[in-house]
Amino acid sequence: MFEIGYDKDWTSFWKKIPREQHERILKKILELKEDKQFRHLKLGSPYFVLEVGQYRICFIEEDTKRILMFVGNHKDYEKWIGMK
């Protein structure tokens, strides 16, 4: 089992998500507690990506903790990747 943590910028990204999508995205976030493999953002990157319809959740793994770094639609996701 993994513990879920949040990056300091997470709240600002979360506030931009429409409220009607929150429950759907939270269900996917709860999957991060399970011992499952997820897709890397790109080869050599420390980030993993979880897709929820048009939304993307990016996180990193540290031992038994998964830290949520970003959530947003595909357009915002592309911008965020460009800054990393």
Protein backbone atom coordinates (compact mmCIF):
# COMPACT_ATOMS: atom_id res chain seq x y z
CA MET A 1 0.00 0.00 0.00
CA PHE A 2 1.18 3.48 -0.84
CA GLU A 3 0.54 6.68 1.08
CA ILE A 4 -0.70 9.69 -0.92
CA GLY A 5 1.04 13.05 -0.52
CA TYR A 6 0.61 16.41 -2.23
CA ASP A 7 3.08 18.86 -3.72
CA LYS A 8 2.80 22.48 -2.57
CA ASP A 9 1.32 23.50 -5.97
CA TRP A 10 -1.33 20.74 -6.03
CA THR A 11 -4.12 22.91 -4.56
CA SER A 12 -3.78 25.57 -7.26
CA PHE A 13 -4.15 22.91 -9.98
CA TRP A 14 -7.05 21.19 -8.18
CA LYS A 15 -9.03 24.45 -7.87
CA LYS A 16 -9.02 24.81 -11.68
CA ILE A 17 -10.80 21.47 -12.16
CA PRO A 18 -14.60 21.75 -12.54
CA ARG A 19 -16.39 20.51 -9.40
CA GLU A 20 -18.40 17.97 -11.37
CA GLN A 21 -15.12 16.19 -12.25
CA HIS A 22 -13.75 16.04 -8.68
CA GLU A 23 -15.40 12.75 -7.68
CA ARG A 24 -14.31 10.99 -10.86
CA ILE A 25 -10.71 12.16 -10.45
CA LEU A 26 -10.67 11.30 -6.72
CA LYS A 27 -11.66 7.70 -7.53
CA LYS A 28 -8.60 7.42 -9.78
CA ILE A 29 -6.37 9.03 -7.16
CA LEU A 30 -7.43 6.35 -4.69
CA GLU A 31 -6.04 3.75 -7.12
CA LEU A 32 -2.61 5.21 -6.40
CA LYS A 33 -2.74 3.63 -2.94
CA GLU A 34 -2.67 0.20 -4.56
CA ASP A 35 0.55 -1.55 -5.49
CA LYS A 36 0.09 -1.12 -9.25
CA GLN A 37 2.41 0.00 -12.04
CA PHE A 38 1.68 3.24 -13.87
CA ARG A 39 2.97 4.80 -17.08
CA HIS A 40 6.08 7.02 -16.97
CA LEU A 41 5.71 10.52 -18.37
CA LYS A 42 8.72 9.81 -20.63
CA LEU A 43 11.84 7.70 -20.50
CA GLY A 44 14.18 8.87 -17.76
CA SER A 45 11.58 11.11 -16.14
CA PRO A 46 10.71 10.68 -12.44
CA TYR A 47 7.05 11.48 -13.20
CA PHE A 48 4.22 9.02 -13.73
CA VAL A 49 0.92 9.78 -15.50
CA LEU A 50 -2.60 8.64 -14.74
CA GLU A 51 -5.33 9.47 -17.28
CA VAL A 52 -8.92 10.28 -16.34
CA GLY A 53 -10.78 11.11 -19.53
CA GLN A 54 -9.32 14.40 -20.78
CA TYR A 55 -7.57 15.02 -17.45
CA ARG A 56 -4.06 13.99 -16.45
CA ILE A 57 -2.63 13.37 -12.99
CA CYS A 58 1.15 13.44 -12.61
CA PHE A 59 2.93 12.07 -9.57
CA ILE A 60 6.28 10.83 -8.33
CA GLU A 61 7.12 7.82 -6.18
CA GLU A 62 9.28 8.01 -3.08
CA ASP A 63 9.61 4.66 -1.26
CA THR A 64 6.05 3.92 -0.07
CA LYS A 65 4.65 7.36 -0.91
CA ARG A 66 3.18 8.72 -4.13
CA ILE A 67 3.24 12.51 -4.29
CA LEU A 68 0.69 14.23 -6.52
CA MET A 69 2.36 16.98 -8.52
CA PHE A 70 -0.19 18.06 -11.15
CA VAL A 71 -3.80 17.61 -12.26
CA GLY A 72 -5.35 19.32 -15.25
CA ASN A 73 -6.78 18.95 -18.72
CA HIS A 74 -4.63 17.87 -21.63
CA LYS A 75 -3.88 21.47 -22.69
CA ASP A 76 -2.63 22.45 -19.20
CA TYR A 77 -0.76 19.13 -18.99
CA GLU A 78 1.21 19.99 -22.15
CA LYS A 79 2.15 23.38 -20.67
CA TRP A 80 3.21 21.78 -17.39
CA ILE A 81 5.38 19.21 -19.17
CA GLY A 82 7.05 22.01 -21.11
CA MET A 83 8.14 23.60 -17.82
CA LYS A 84 9.69 20.34 -16.51
